[in-house]
N, C-alpha and C. Protein backbone atom coordinates (compact mmCIF):
# COMPACT_ATOMS: atom_id res chain seq x y z
N UNK A 1 -4.43 -3.63 10.44
CA UNK A 1 -4.77 -4.94 9.94
C UNK A 1 -5.30 -5.78 11.09
N UNK A 2 -6.31 -6.52 10.81
CA UNK A 2 -6.90 -7.36 11.83
C UNK A 2 -6.10 -8.64 12.06
N UNK A 3 -5.38 -9.10 11.06
CA UNK A 3 -4.66 -10.36 11.21
C UNK A 3 -3.44 -10.19 12.09
N UNK A 4 -2.63 -9.19 11.82
CA UNK A 4 -1.46 -8.90 12.65
C UNK A 4 -1.69 -7.54 13.28
N UNK A 5 -1.72 -7.51 14.60
CA UNK A 5 -1.98 -6.25 15.29
C UNK A 5 -0.80 -5.30 15.21
N UNK A 6 0.39 -5.82 15.08
CA UNK A 6 1.58 -5.00 14.96
C UNK A 6 2.25 -5.32 13.63
N UNK A 7 2.39 -4.33 12.79
CA UNK A 7 3.02 -4.53 11.49
C UNK A 7 3.75 -3.25 11.10
N UNK A 8 4.90 -3.41 10.47
CA UNK A 8 5.68 -2.27 9.99
C UNK A 8 5.55 -2.22 8.48
N UNK A 9 5.17 -1.07 7.96
CA UNK A 9 4.89 -0.85 6.54
C UNK A 9 3.84 -1.86 6.06
N UNK A 10 2.61 -1.74 6.58
CA UNK A 10 1.55 -2.68 6.20
C UNK A 10 1.04 -2.44 4.78
N UNK A 11 0.85 -3.51 4.05
CA UNK A 11 0.44 -3.44 2.66
C UNK A 11 -0.89 -2.71 2.45
N UNK A 12 -1.96 -2.98 3.22
CA UNK A 12 -3.23 -2.30 2.93
C UNK A 12 -3.12 -0.77 2.99
N UNK A 13 -2.40 -0.26 3.96
CA UNK A 13 -2.27 1.19 4.09
C UNK A 13 -1.44 1.79 2.95
N UNK A 14 -0.35 1.12 2.60
CA UNK A 14 0.50 1.62 1.51
C UNK A 14 -0.25 1.56 0.18
N UNK A 15 -0.90 0.44 -0.11
CA UNK A 15 -1.65 0.30 -1.37
C UNK A 15 -2.79 1.31 -1.42
N UNK A 16 -3.47 1.52 -0.31
CA UNK A 16 -4.57 2.48 -0.27
C UNK A 16 -4.10 3.90 -0.51
N UNK A 17 -3.02 4.30 0.14
CA UNK A 17 -2.49 5.64 -0.07
C UNK A 17 -2.02 5.84 -1.51
N UNK A 18 -1.34 4.85 -2.07
CA UNK A 18 -0.89 4.97 -3.46
C UNK A 18 -2.08 5.13 -4.39
N UNK A 19 -3.10 4.32 -4.18
CA UNK A 19 -4.28 4.38 -5.04
C UNK A 19 -4.98 5.74 -4.94
N UNK A 20 -5.23 6.19 -3.73
CA UNK A 20 -5.95 7.46 -3.54
C UNK A 20 -5.14 8.63 -4.09
N UNK A 21 -3.84 8.66 -3.83
CA UNK A 21 -3.01 9.76 -4.33
C UNK A 21 -2.94 9.75 -5.85
N UNK A 22 -2.89 8.58 -6.46
CA UNK A 22 -2.91 8.50 -7.92
C UNK A 22 -4.23 9.05 -8.47
N UNK A 23 -5.34 8.68 -7.83
CA UNK A 23 -6.65 9.17 -8.29
C UNK A 23 -6.76 10.68 -8.12
N UNK A 24 -6.27 11.20 -7.00
CA UNK A 24 -6.33 12.65 -6.77
C UNK A 24 -5.47 13.40 -7.79
N UNK A 25 -4.29 12.87 -8.07
CA UNK A 25 -3.38 13.53 -9.02
C UNK A 25 -3.93 13.48 -10.44
N UNK A 26 -4.75 12.48 -10.75
CA UNK A 26 -5.31 12.36 -12.09
C UNK A 26 -6.48 13.32 -12.31
N UNK A 27 -7.05 13.83 -11.24
CA UNK A 27 -8.17 14.75 -11.36
C UNK A 27 -7.72 16.11 -11.85
N UNK A 28 -8.66 16.88 -12.33
CA UNK A 28 -8.37 18.23 -12.82
C UNK A 28 -8.44 19.19 -11.64
N UNK A 29 -7.33 19.85 -11.38
CA UNK A 29 -7.26 20.79 -10.26
C UNK A 29 -6.71 22.12 -10.72
N UNK A 30 -7.24 23.16 -10.14
CA UNK A 30 -6.67 24.48 -10.39
C UNK A 30 -5.59 24.80 -9.37
N UNK A 31 -5.64 24.15 -8.23
CA UNK A 31 -4.68 24.39 -7.14
C UNK A 31 -3.43 23.54 -7.37
N UNK A 32 -2.45 24.10 -8.04
CA UNK A 32 -1.24 23.34 -8.36
C UNK A 32 -0.40 23.06 -7.12
N UNK A 33 -0.51 23.88 -6.08
CA UNK A 33 0.27 23.62 -4.86
C UNK A 33 -0.25 22.37 -4.16
N UNK A 34 -1.55 22.15 -4.18
CA UNK A 34 -2.11 20.96 -3.59
C UNK A 34 -1.70 19.72 -4.38
N UNK A 35 -1.74 19.82 -5.68
CA UNK A 35 -1.32 18.72 -6.54
C UNK A 35 0.16 18.39 -6.30
N UNK A 36 0.99 19.41 -6.13
CA UNK A 36 2.41 19.20 -5.86
C UNK A 36 2.61 18.49 -4.53
N UNK A 37 1.81 18.83 -3.52
CA UNK A 37 1.92 18.16 -2.21
C UNK A 37 1.53 16.69 -2.31
N UNK A 38 0.47 16.40 -3.07
CA UNK A 38 0.07 15.00 -3.25
C UNK A 38 1.18 14.21 -3.93
N UNK A 39 1.80 14.81 -4.94
CA UNK A 39 2.89 14.11 -5.64
C UNK A 39 4.10 13.91 -4.74
N UNK A 40 4.40 14.88 -3.88
CA UNK A 40 5.51 14.73 -2.93
C UNK A 40 5.22 13.61 -1.94
N UNK A 41 4.01 13.55 -1.43
CA UNK A 41 3.64 12.49 -0.50
C UNK A 41 3.73 11.13 -1.18
N UNK A 42 3.25 11.04 -2.41
CA UNK A 42 3.31 9.77 -3.14
C UNK A 42 4.76 9.33 -3.34
N UNK A 43 5.64 10.26 -3.62
CA UNK A 43 7.05 9.93 -3.84
C UNK A 43 7.72 9.43 -2.56
N UNK A 44 7.20 9.82 -1.40
CA UNK A 44 7.79 9.40 -0.12
C UNK A 44 7.28 8.03 0.35
N UNK A 45 6.21 7.55 -0.25
CA UNK A 45 5.65 6.27 0.19
C UNK A 45 6.61 5.12 -0.11
N UNK A 46 6.71 4.16 0.79
CA UNK A 46 7.52 2.97 0.49
C UNK A 46 6.82 2.12 -0.56
N UNK A 47 7.56 1.24 -1.17
CA UNK A 47 6.97 0.30 -2.13
C UNK A 47 6.06 -0.69 -1.41
N UNK A 48 5.16 -1.28 -2.16
CA UNK A 48 4.31 -2.33 -1.61
C UNK A 48 5.21 -3.48 -1.18
N UNK A 49 5.02 -4.01 0.03
CA UNK A 49 5.87 -5.11 0.52
C UNK A 49 5.79 -6.32 -0.41
N UNK A 50 6.95 -6.81 -0.77
CA UNK A 50 7.04 -7.86 -1.77
C UNK A 50 8.21 -8.76 -1.46
N UNK A 51 8.04 -10.04 -1.67
CA UNK A 51 9.13 -11.00 -1.58
C UNK A 51 9.40 -11.48 -2.99
N UNK A 52 10.53 -11.12 -3.53
CA UNK A 52 10.88 -11.46 -4.90
C UNK A 52 12.14 -12.31 -4.87
N UNK A 53 11.98 -13.59 -5.21
CA UNK A 53 13.13 -14.50 -5.17
C UNK A 53 13.78 -14.68 -6.55
N UNK A 54 13.40 -13.85 -7.50
CA UNK A 54 13.97 -13.94 -8.84
C UNK A 54 13.09 -14.73 -9.78
N UNK A 55 12.39 -15.72 -9.28
CA UNK A 55 11.48 -16.53 -10.10
C UNK A 55 10.04 -16.07 -9.95
N UNK A 56 9.68 -15.74 -8.71
CA UNK A 56 8.29 -15.44 -8.41
C UNK A 56 8.22 -14.28 -7.42
N UNK A 57 7.27 -13.39 -7.65
CA UNK A 57 7.04 -12.29 -6.72
C UNK A 57 5.78 -12.60 -5.92
N UNK A 58 5.86 -12.38 -4.61
CA UNK A 58 4.75 -12.66 -3.71
C UNK A 58 4.48 -11.43 -2.86
N UNK A 59 3.22 -11.01 -2.82
CA UNK A 59 2.83 -9.90 -1.97
C UNK A 59 2.93 -10.32 -0.51
N UNK A 60 3.45 -9.43 0.32
CA UNK A 60 3.55 -9.69 1.76
C UNK A 60 2.55 -8.80 2.49
N UNK A 61 2.03 -9.23 3.64
CA UNK A 61 1.08 -8.40 4.37
C UNK A 61 1.72 -7.12 4.92
N UNK A 62 3.04 -7.15 5.14
CA UNK A 62 3.78 -6.00 5.63
C UNK A 62 5.25 -6.25 5.41
N UNK A 63 6.04 -5.18 5.47
CA UNK A 63 7.48 -5.37 5.31
C UNK A 63 8.03 -6.19 6.47
N UNK A 64 7.55 -5.89 7.67
CA UNK A 64 7.92 -6.67 8.85
C UNK A 64 6.65 -6.91 9.64
N UNK A 65 6.41 -8.16 9.98
CA UNK A 65 5.22 -8.52 10.74
C UNK A 65 5.66 -9.12 12.06
N UNK A 66 5.02 -8.70 13.13
CA UNK A 66 5.35 -9.21 14.45
C UNK A 66 4.10 -9.77 15.11
N UNK A 67 4.28 -10.74 15.95
CA UNK A 67 3.17 -11.27 16.74
C UNK A 67 2.49 -12.43 16.07
N UNK A 68 1.41 -12.84 16.70
CA UNK A 68 0.66 -14.00 16.24
C UNK A 68 -0.44 -13.58 15.27
N UNK A 69 -0.87 -14.52 14.46
CA UNK A 69 -2.00 -14.29 13.57
C UNK A 69 -3.27 -14.34 14.40
N UNK A 70 -4.18 -13.36 14.21
CA UNK A 70 -5.39 -13.27 15.02
C UNK A 70 -6.65 -13.71 14.30
N UNK A 71 -6.64 -13.82 12.98
CA UNK A 71 -7.79 -14.34 12.24
C UNK A 71 -7.32 -14.81 10.87
N UNK A 72 -8.24 -15.05 9.97
CA UNK A 72 -7.85 -15.63 8.67
C UNK A 72 -7.96 -14.65 7.51
N UNK A 73 -7.90 -13.39 7.78
CA UNK A 73 -7.94 -12.37 6.73
C UNK A 73 -6.65 -12.44 5.90
N UNK A 74 -6.73 -12.11 4.61
CA UNK A 74 -5.57 -12.05 3.73
C UNK A 74 -5.34 -10.60 3.31
N UNK A 75 -4.60 -9.83 4.11
CA UNK A 75 -4.42 -8.41 3.79
C UNK A 75 -3.66 -8.18 2.49
N UNK A 76 -2.94 -9.17 2.01
CA UNK A 76 -2.19 -9.02 0.75
C UNK A 76 -3.14 -8.75 -0.42
N UNK A 77 -4.36 -9.24 -0.33
CA UNK A 77 -5.30 -9.11 -1.44
C UNK A 77 -5.84 -7.69 -1.61
N UNK A 78 -5.66 -6.83 -0.62
CA UNK A 78 -6.10 -5.43 -0.77
C UNK A 78 -5.40 -4.76 -1.94
N UNK A 79 -4.17 -5.12 -2.19
CA UNK A 79 -3.44 -4.51 -3.31
C UNK A 79 -4.01 -4.95 -4.66
N UNK A 80 -4.72 -6.06 -4.69
CA UNK A 80 -5.25 -6.58 -5.95
C UNK A 80 -6.69 -6.15 -6.17
N UNK A 81 -7.57 -6.50 -5.24
CA UNK A 81 -9.01 -6.32 -5.46
C UNK A 81 -9.52 -4.95 -5.06
N UNK A 82 -9.01 -4.40 -4.01
CA UNK A 82 -9.54 -3.12 -3.56
C UNK A 82 -8.84 -1.95 -4.25
N UNK A 83 -7.52 -1.96 -4.25
CA UNK A 83 -6.75 -0.80 -4.71
C UNK A 83 -6.10 -0.96 -6.08
N UNK A 84 -6.23 -2.13 -6.69
CA UNK A 84 -5.74 -2.36 -8.06
C UNK A 84 -4.30 -1.90 -8.26
N UNK A 85 -3.43 -2.22 -7.34
CA UNK A 85 -2.03 -1.82 -7.42
C UNK A 85 -1.13 -2.94 -7.87
N UNK A 86 -1.66 -4.10 -8.13
CA UNK A 86 -0.80 -5.23 -8.51
C UNK A 86 -1.26 -5.82 -9.80
């Protein structure tokens, strides 16, 4: 992420992996071992970082963010517009 140079469990990477693995698993494959590996990887992915206070859910740029903000990018929006995970 360009906004935070150091982030733990960053939303764009998690949302991207979830999206791509879902698309791959939805395709028609003859190689069931490859499909099984994609499903195993998807099952190991952490959830998209979220702050849920009971009333409202808010996407977070990462589960843990460290350091200063370096620009004005909104990485939370990758889960909505790019990867359609929210």
